[in-house]
Amino acid sequence: MRKTVLAAVLLLVFCLAACGGQNAAEDAFTIRVVCESDGIWQIFYSCYLDGECCGMGGVADLDGGELTEETDLSISFTRSFLGQDADISQFSMDFSPYGQDDTSEIGTTNRVAIRAEYGQSYTVFLSGDRDSGFQAALGTP
């Protein structure tokens, strides 16, 4: 079942990334997740607009490997997904990492506020471990 859920989440992520059309850069913003933690194989996330949950998804290495700082984990959020009139300056996310054989998250990070604008890219760094907890921080690409 876990593989089925992961496949569905990855399909959703790919669909979100493919949405847009001619003005894709103007109608989407991108969050790049850099995993600085060891032993993480997938990351699920929840996203919020003005504190209200507006979606969930997940990212993983397409080859099924452990995530590293070099793993390309990019998530695009389109105007059509969030709503034409959504105030994306009030966007935020939290992240729940999973280990190789975990069936539930091994922690959830703080919620990261991102004053998003369409056409922009942002980088979130995931750090920490099972013992001390996980943190997420907005940084520079």
N, C-alpha and C. Protein backbone atom coordinates (compact mmCIF):
# COMPACT_ATOMS: atom_id res chain seq x y z
N MET A 1 0.82 -1.19 0.00
CA MET A 1 0.00 0.00 0.00
C MET A 1 0.87 1.25 0.00
N ARG A 2 1.98 1.23 0.74
CA ARG A 2 2.85 2.39 0.82
C ARG A 2 3.38 2.76 -0.56
N LYS A 3 3.73 1.75 -1.39
CA LYS A 3 4.22 2.03 -2.72
C LYS A 3 3.12 2.64 -3.59
N THR A 4 1.89 2.19 -3.40
CA THR A 4 0.77 2.74 -4.15
C THR A 4 0.55 4.20 -3.79
N VAL A 5 0.62 4.52 -2.50
CA VAL A 5 0.44 5.90 -2.05
C VAL A 5 1.58 6.76 -2.59
N LEU A 6 2.81 6.27 -2.50
CA LEU A 6 3.96 7.02 -3.01
C LEU A 6 3.82 7.26 -4.50
N ALA A 7 3.39 6.25 -5.25
CA ALA A 7 3.20 6.41 -6.69
C ALA A 7 2.14 7.46 -6.99
N ALA A 8 1.06 7.46 -6.23
CA ALA A 8 0.00 8.44 -6.42
C ALA A 8 0.49 9.84 -6.11
N VAL A 9 1.26 9.98 -5.04
CA VAL A 9 1.80 11.28 -4.66
C VAL A 9 2.77 11.79 -5.72
N LEU A 10 3.65 10.91 -6.20
CA LEU A 10 4.59 11.32 -7.24
C LEU A 10 3.86 11.72 -8.51
N LEU A 11 2.80 11.01 -8.87
CA LEU A 11 2.01 11.37 -10.03
C LEU A 11 1.42 12.76 -9.86
N LEU A 12 0.90 13.05 -8.66
CA LEU A 12 0.34 14.37 -8.38
C LEU A 12 1.41 15.45 -8.54
N VAL A 13 2.60 15.20 -8.00
CA VAL A 13 3.69 16.16 -8.11
C VAL A 13 4.03 16.41 -9.57
N PHE A 14 4.13 15.33 -10.38
CA PHE A 14 4.44 15.50 -11.79
C PHE A 14 3.33 16.26 -12.51
N CYS A 15 2.10 15.99 -12.16
CA CYS A 15 0.98 16.70 -12.78
C CYS A 15 1.03 18.18 -12.44
N LEU A 16 1.31 18.49 -11.17
CA LEU A 16 1.42 19.89 -10.77
C LEU A 16 2.55 20.58 -11.53
N ALA A 17 3.66 19.88 -11.70
CA ALA A 17 4.80 20.46 -12.39
C ALA A 17 4.50 20.67 -13.87
N ALA A 18 3.67 19.82 -14.44
CA ALA A 18 3.38 19.90 -15.86
C ALA A 18 2.28 20.91 -16.18
N CYS A 19 1.50 21.30 -15.19
CA CYS A 19 0.40 22.25 -15.42
C CYS A 19 0.96 23.60 -15.82
N GLY A 20 0.17 24.38 -16.49
CA GLY A 20 0.59 25.74 -16.75
C GLY A 20 0.42 26.12 -18.19
N GLY A 21 1.23 25.60 -19.06
CA GLY A 21 1.12 25.95 -20.47
C GLY A 21 2.10 27.04 -20.83
N GLN A 22 1.62 27.99 -21.66
CA GLN A 22 2.48 29.01 -22.23
C GLN A 22 3.12 29.91 -21.18
N ASN A 23 2.41 30.31 -20.14
CA ASN A 23 2.92 31.22 -19.14
C ASN A 23 3.28 30.50 -17.86
N ALA A 24 3.85 29.31 -17.97
CA ALA A 24 4.13 28.49 -16.80
C ALA A 24 4.99 29.23 -15.78
N ALA A 25 6.01 29.95 -16.23
CA ALA A 25 6.89 30.67 -15.30
C ALA A 25 6.13 31.75 -14.56
N GLU A 26 5.16 32.35 -15.20
CA GLU A 26 4.39 33.43 -14.59
C GLU A 26 3.23 32.90 -13.75
N ASP A 27 2.85 31.65 -13.96
CA ASP A 27 1.70 31.09 -13.27
C ASP A 27 2.06 30.02 -12.26
N ALA A 28 3.34 29.99 -11.84
CA ALA A 28 3.77 29.00 -10.86
C ALA A 28 4.96 29.55 -10.08
N PHE A 29 5.18 28.99 -8.92
CA PHE A 29 6.42 29.21 -8.19
C PHE A 29 6.92 27.85 -7.76
N THR A 30 8.21 27.76 -7.52
CA THR A 30 8.85 26.48 -7.25
C THR A 30 9.54 26.49 -5.90
N ILE A 31 9.37 25.39 -5.17
CA ILE A 31 10.07 25.17 -3.91
C ILE A 31 11.06 24.04 -4.14
N ARG A 32 12.33 24.30 -3.91
CA ARG A 32 13.37 23.27 -3.99
C ARG A 32 13.67 22.85 -2.55
N VAL A 33 13.61 21.56 -2.28
CA VAL A 33 13.89 21.03 -0.94
C VAL A 33 15.28 20.40 -0.97
N VAL A 34 16.15 20.85 -0.07
CA VAL A 34 17.49 20.30 0.06
C VAL A 34 17.51 19.50 1.36
N CYS A 35 17.72 18.20 1.23
CA CYS A 35 17.72 17.31 2.39
C CYS A 35 19.15 17.18 2.92
N GLU A 36 19.41 17.79 4.07
CA GLU A 36 20.73 17.73 4.70
C GLU A 36 20.80 16.61 5.74
N SER A 37 19.72 15.90 5.95
CA SER A 37 19.65 14.83 6.96
C SER A 37 20.02 13.49 6.34
N ASP A 38 20.63 12.63 7.15
CA ASP A 38 20.96 11.27 6.71
C ASP A 38 19.79 10.34 6.97
N GLY A 39 19.69 9.29 6.16
CA GLY A 39 18.70 8.25 6.40
C GLY A 39 17.28 8.60 6.00
N ILE A 40 17.11 9.59 5.11
CA ILE A 40 15.78 10.00 4.65
C ILE A 40 15.58 9.48 3.23
N TRP A 41 14.44 8.81 3.01
CA TRP A 41 14.15 8.21 1.70
C TRP A 41 13.00 8.89 0.99
N GLN A 42 12.15 9.57 1.71
CA GLN A 42 11.06 10.32 1.10
C GLN A 42 10.59 11.38 2.08
N ILE A 43 9.99 12.42 1.54
CA ILE A 43 9.50 13.52 2.37
C ILE A 43 8.09 13.85 1.91
N PHE A 44 7.18 13.81 2.84
CA PHE A 44 5.82 14.27 2.58
C PHE A 44 5.70 15.70 3.08
N TYR A 45 4.80 16.47 2.49
CA TYR A 45 4.63 17.85 2.91
C TYR A 45 3.15 18.23 2.92
N SER A 46 2.86 19.24 3.71
CA SER A 46 1.55 19.88 3.70
C SER A 46 1.80 21.34 3.38
N CYS A 47 0.93 21.94 2.58
CA CYS A 47 1.08 23.37 2.27
C CYS A 47 -0.18 24.11 2.72
N TYR A 48 0.03 25.37 3.04
CA TYR A 48 -1.01 26.18 3.67
C TYR A 48 -1.07 27.55 3.01
N LEU A 49 -2.27 28.09 2.93
CA LEU A 49 -2.48 29.48 2.54
C LEU A 49 -3.20 30.16 3.70
N ASP A 50 -2.58 31.18 4.22
CA ASP A 50 -3.12 31.92 5.36
C ASP A 50 -3.51 30.97 6.51
N GLY A 51 -2.67 29.97 6.74
CA GLY A 51 -2.85 29.04 7.85
C GLY A 51 -3.80 27.88 7.58
N GLU A 52 -4.48 27.87 6.45
CA GLU A 52 -5.42 26.80 6.11
C GLU A 52 -4.76 25.82 5.14
N CYS A 53 -4.86 24.53 5.44
CA CYS A 53 -4.26 23.52 4.57
C CYS A 53 -4.89 23.59 3.18
N CYS A 54 -4.01 23.64 2.15
CA CYS A 54 -4.51 23.72 0.78
C CYS A 54 -3.99 22.58 -0.09
N GLY A 55 -3.20 21.66 0.51
CA GLY A 55 -2.72 20.54 -0.27
C GLY A 55 -1.65 19.75 0.45
N MET A 56 -1.41 18.57 -0.08
CA MET A 56 -0.39 17.68 0.46
C MET A 56 0.29 16.98 -0.70
N GLY A 57 1.48 16.47 -0.46
CA GLY A 57 2.18 15.74 -1.50
C GLY A 57 3.44 15.12 -0.94
N GLY A 58 4.29 14.67 -1.81
CA GLY A 58 5.52 14.05 -1.37
C GLY A 58 6.57 14.07 -2.46
N VAL A 59 7.81 13.92 -2.04
CA VAL A 59 8.93 13.87 -2.96
C VAL A 59 9.85 12.72 -2.56
N ALA A 60 10.51 12.15 -3.55
CA ALA A 60 11.44 11.05 -3.32
C ALA A 60 12.39 10.98 -4.51
N ASP A 61 13.47 10.25 -4.35
CA ASP A 61 14.39 9.98 -5.44
C ASP A 61 13.69 9.01 -6.38
N LEU A 62 13.63 9.33 -7.66
CA LEU A 62 12.93 8.48 -8.60
C LEU A 62 13.57 7.11 -8.77
N ASP A 63 14.84 6.99 -8.40
CA ASP A 63 15.51 5.70 -8.44
C ASP A 63 15.31 4.91 -7.15
N GLY A 64 14.60 5.48 -6.19
CA GLY A 64 14.31 4.79 -4.94
C GLY A 64 15.43 4.83 -3.93
N GLY A 65 16.39 5.73 -4.10
CA GLY A 65 17.52 5.80 -3.20
C GLY A 65 17.33 6.77 -2.05
N GLU A 66 18.31 6.76 -1.16
CA GLU A 66 18.33 7.69 -0.03
C GLU A 66 18.52 9.11 -0.56
N LEU A 67 17.84 10.07 0.06
CA LEU A 67 17.94 11.46 -0.37
C LEU A 67 19.25 12.06 0.11
N THR A 68 19.85 12.88 -0.75
CA THR A 68 21.07 13.60 -0.41
C THR A 68 20.86 15.07 -0.75
N GLU A 69 21.86 15.88 -0.44
CA GLU A 69 21.77 17.30 -0.78
C GLU A 69 21.71 17.51 -2.29
N GLU A 70 22.19 16.55 -3.06
CA GLU A 70 22.20 16.67 -4.52
C GLU A 70 20.91 16.16 -5.18
N THR A 71 20.06 15.46 -4.44
CA THR A 71 18.82 14.94 -5.01
C THR A 71 17.92 16.09 -5.43
N ASP A 72 17.43 16.04 -6.67
CA ASP A 72 16.56 17.09 -7.18
C ASP A 72 15.15 16.89 -6.62
N LEU A 73 14.79 17.74 -5.67
CA LEU A 73 13.47 17.70 -5.06
C LEU A 73 12.80 19.05 -5.27
N SER A 74 12.16 19.21 -6.40
CA SER A 74 11.52 20.47 -6.73
C SER A 74 10.01 20.28 -6.83
N ILE A 75 9.29 21.22 -6.24
CA ILE A 75 7.84 21.16 -6.23
C ILE A 75 7.32 22.47 -6.82
N SER A 76 6.47 22.38 -7.84
CA SER A 76 5.88 23.57 -8.44
C SER A 76 4.44 23.72 -7.98
N PHE A 77 4.08 24.94 -7.67
CA PHE A 77 2.71 25.26 -7.28
C PHE A 77 2.16 26.24 -8.29
N THR A 78 1.08 25.84 -8.96
CA THR A 78 0.51 26.65 -10.02
C THR A 78 -0.67 27.48 -9.51
N ARG A 79 -0.92 28.53 -10.25
CA ARG A 79 -2.08 29.40 -9.96
C ARG A 79 -3.38 28.59 -10.04
N SER A 80 -3.45 27.67 -11.01
CA SER A 80 -4.68 26.88 -11.15
C SER A 80 -4.87 25.93 -9.97
N PHE A 81 -3.77 25.42 -9.39
CA PHE A 81 -3.87 24.54 -8.22
C PHE A 81 -4.26 25.32 -6.96
N LEU A 82 -3.64 26.47 -6.75
CA LEU A 82 -3.87 27.24 -5.52
C LEU A 82 -5.11 28.13 -5.59
N GLY A 83 -5.55 28.45 -6.78
CA GLY A 83 -6.72 29.33 -6.95
C GLY A 83 -6.29 30.65 -7.56
N GLN A 84 -7.07 31.11 -8.49
CA GLN A 84 -6.74 32.34 -9.23
C GLN A 84 -6.51 33.54 -8.31
N ASP A 85 -7.29 33.65 -7.24
CA ASP A 85 -7.22 34.82 -6.37
C ASP A 85 -6.50 34.55 -5.05
N ALA A 86 -5.79 33.44 -4.96
CA ALA A 86 -5.11 33.07 -3.71
C ALA A 86 -4.00 34.07 -3.37
N ASP A 87 -3.92 34.42 -2.10
CA ASP A 87 -2.86 35.30 -1.61
C ASP A 87 -1.65 34.44 -1.28
N ILE A 88 -0.78 34.23 -2.28
CA ILE A 88 0.35 33.34 -2.07
C ILE A 88 1.44 33.95 -1.21
N SER A 89 1.32 35.23 -0.86
CA SER A 89 2.29 35.82 0.06
C SER A 89 2.10 35.25 1.47
N GLN A 90 1.01 34.52 1.68
CA GLN A 90 0.71 33.89 2.96
C GLN A 90 0.89 32.37 2.88
N PHE A 91 1.79 31.92 2.00
CA PHE A 91 2.03 30.50 1.77
C PHE A 91 3.00 29.97 2.83
N SER A 92 2.79 28.71 3.26
CA SER A 92 3.72 28.06 4.18
C SER A 92 3.66 26.55 3.96
N MET A 93 4.69 25.86 4.47
CA MET A 93 4.78 24.41 4.32
C MET A 93 5.40 23.80 5.56
N ASP A 94 5.06 22.53 5.83
CA ASP A 94 5.82 21.73 6.78
C ASP A 94 6.15 20.41 6.11
N PHE A 95 7.13 19.71 6.66
CA PHE A 95 7.69 18.53 6.01
C PHE A 95 7.77 17.38 7.00
N SER A 96 7.46 16.17 6.52
CA SER A 96 7.52 14.96 7.34
C SER A 96 8.40 13.93 6.65
N PRO A 97 9.63 13.75 7.13
CA PRO A 97 10.54 12.79 6.52
C PRO A 97 10.22 11.35 6.92
N TYR A 98 10.58 10.42 6.03
CA TYR A 98 10.41 8.98 6.24
C TYR A 98 11.75 8.30 5.97
N GLY A 99 12.09 7.30 6.77
CA GLY A 99 13.27 6.49 6.54
C GLY A 99 12.96 5.42 5.51
N GLN A 100 13.92 4.55 5.24
CA GLN A 100 13.81 3.56 4.17
C GLN A 100 12.59 2.65 4.31
N ASP A 101 12.36 2.09 5.45
CA ASP A 101 11.24 1.16 5.62
C ASP A 101 10.15 1.69 6.53
N ASP A 102 10.14 2.99 6.77
CA ASP A 102 9.15 3.56 7.68
C ASP A 102 7.77 3.57 7.04
N THR A 103 6.77 3.28 7.86
CA THR A 103 5.38 3.33 7.41
C THR A 103 4.67 4.55 7.96
N SER A 104 5.35 5.33 8.80
CA SER A 104 4.82 6.61 9.27
C SER A 104 5.99 7.58 9.40
N GLU A 105 5.67 8.85 9.44
CA GLU A 105 6.73 9.86 9.49
C GLU A 105 7.56 9.70 10.76
N ILE A 106 8.82 10.10 10.65
CA ILE A 106 9.71 10.01 11.81
C ILE A 106 9.83 11.38 12.49
N GLY A 107 9.01 12.28 12.07
CA GLY A 107 8.96 13.62 12.65
C GLY A 107 8.29 14.56 11.68
N THR A 108 7.95 15.72 12.16
CA THR A 108 7.41 16.78 11.31
C THR A 108 8.11 18.07 11.69
N THR A 109 8.48 18.84 10.68
CA THR A 109 9.20 20.08 10.93
C THR A 109 8.26 21.19 11.36
N ASN A 110 8.87 22.27 11.74
CA ASN A 110 8.16 23.53 11.94
C ASN A 110 7.55 23.95 10.59
N ARG A 111 6.58 24.81 10.64
CA ARG A 111 5.99 25.34 9.42
C ARG A 111 6.86 26.51 8.93
N VAL A 112 7.22 26.48 7.66
CA VAL A 112 8.09 27.50 7.08
C VAL A 112 7.23 28.48 6.27
N ALA A 113 7.27 29.76 6.64
CA ALA A 113 6.55 30.81 5.92
C ALA A 113 7.35 31.21 4.69
N ILE A 114 6.67 31.27 3.55
CA ILE A 114 7.30 31.66 2.29
C ILE A 114 6.43 32.74 1.67
N ARG A 115 6.92 33.95 1.62
CA ARG A 115 6.18 35.05 0.99
C ARG A 115 6.32 34.91 -0.53
N ALA A 116 5.56 33.95 -1.05
CA ALA A 116 5.73 33.53 -2.44
C ALA A 116 5.21 34.57 -3.43
N GLU A 117 5.83 34.53 -4.60
CA GLU A 117 5.39 35.30 -5.76
C GLU A 117 5.49 34.38 -6.97
N TYR A 118 4.53 34.48 -7.87
CA TYR A 118 4.58 33.67 -9.08
C TYR A 118 5.81 34.05 -9.90
N GLY A 119 6.41 33.03 -10.53
CA GLY A 119 7.59 33.23 -11.33
C GLY A 119 8.89 33.13 -10.54
N GLN A 120 8.80 32.90 -9.21
CA GLN A 120 9.99 32.85 -8.37
C GLN A 120 10.28 31.42 -7.92
N SER A 121 11.51 31.21 -7.45
CA SER A 121 11.93 29.92 -6.89
C SER A 121 12.46 30.16 -5.48
N TYR A 122 12.21 29.19 -4.60
CA TYR A 122 12.62 29.28 -3.20
C TYR A 122 13.28 27.97 -2.81
N THR A 123 14.17 28.03 -1.83
CA THR A 123 14.85 26.83 -1.36
C THR A 123 14.58 26.65 0.12
N VAL A 124 14.18 25.44 0.50
CA VAL A 124 13.98 25.08 1.90
C VAL A 124 14.98 23.99 2.24
N PHE A 125 15.68 24.17 3.36
CA PHE A 125 16.67 23.20 3.83
C PHE A 125 16.06 22.38 4.95
N LEU A 126 16.10 21.06 4.80
CA LEU A 126 15.62 20.13 5.82
C LEU A 126 16.84 19.57 6.53
N SER A 127 16.88 19.71 7.85
CA SER A 127 18.01 19.21 8.63
C SER A 127 17.48 18.53 9.89
N GLY A 128 18.40 17.94 10.64
CA GLY A 128 18.05 17.27 11.88
C GLY A 128 18.10 15.77 11.75
N ASP A 129 17.64 15.10 12.82
CA ASP A 129 17.65 13.64 12.84
C ASP A 129 16.54 13.12 13.74
N ARG A 130 16.43 11.79 13.79
CA ARG A 130 15.39 11.15 14.59
C ARG A 130 15.46 11.51 16.06
N ASP A 131 16.68 11.63 16.59
CA ASP A 131 16.85 11.87 18.02
C ASP A 131 16.56 13.30 18.43
N SER A 132 17.06 14.26 17.66
CA SER A 132 16.89 15.67 18.05
C SER A 132 15.74 16.36 17.33
N GLY A 133 15.13 15.68 16.39
CA GLY A 133 14.02 16.28 15.64
C GLY A 133 14.49 16.90 14.33
N PHE A 134 13.55 17.27 13.52
CA PHE A 134 13.84 17.82 12.20
C PHE A 134 13.40 19.28 12.14
N GLN A 135 14.14 20.06 11.37
CA GLN A 135 13.84 21.47 11.19
C GLN A 135 13.84 21.79 9.69
N ALA A 136 13.07 22.79 9.34
CA ALA A 136 13.05 23.30 7.97
C ALA A 136 13.30 24.80 8.03
N ALA A 137 14.12 25.29 7.10
CA ALA A 137 14.45 26.71 7.08
C ALA A 137 14.51 27.20 5.63
N LEU A 138 13.96 28.38 5.41
CA LEU A 138 14.02 29.01 4.11
C LEU A 138 15.43 29.57 3.93
N GLY A 139 16.02 29.30 2.80
CA GLY A 139 17.38 29.77 2.54
C GLY A 139 17.51 30.30 1.14
N THR A 140 18.75 30.51 0.73
CA THR A 140 19.01 30.98 -0.62
C THR A 140 19.45 29.80 -1.46
N PRO A 141 19.05 29.80 -2.73
CA PRO A 141 19.36 28.67 -3.62
C PRO A 141 20.85 28.41 -3.75
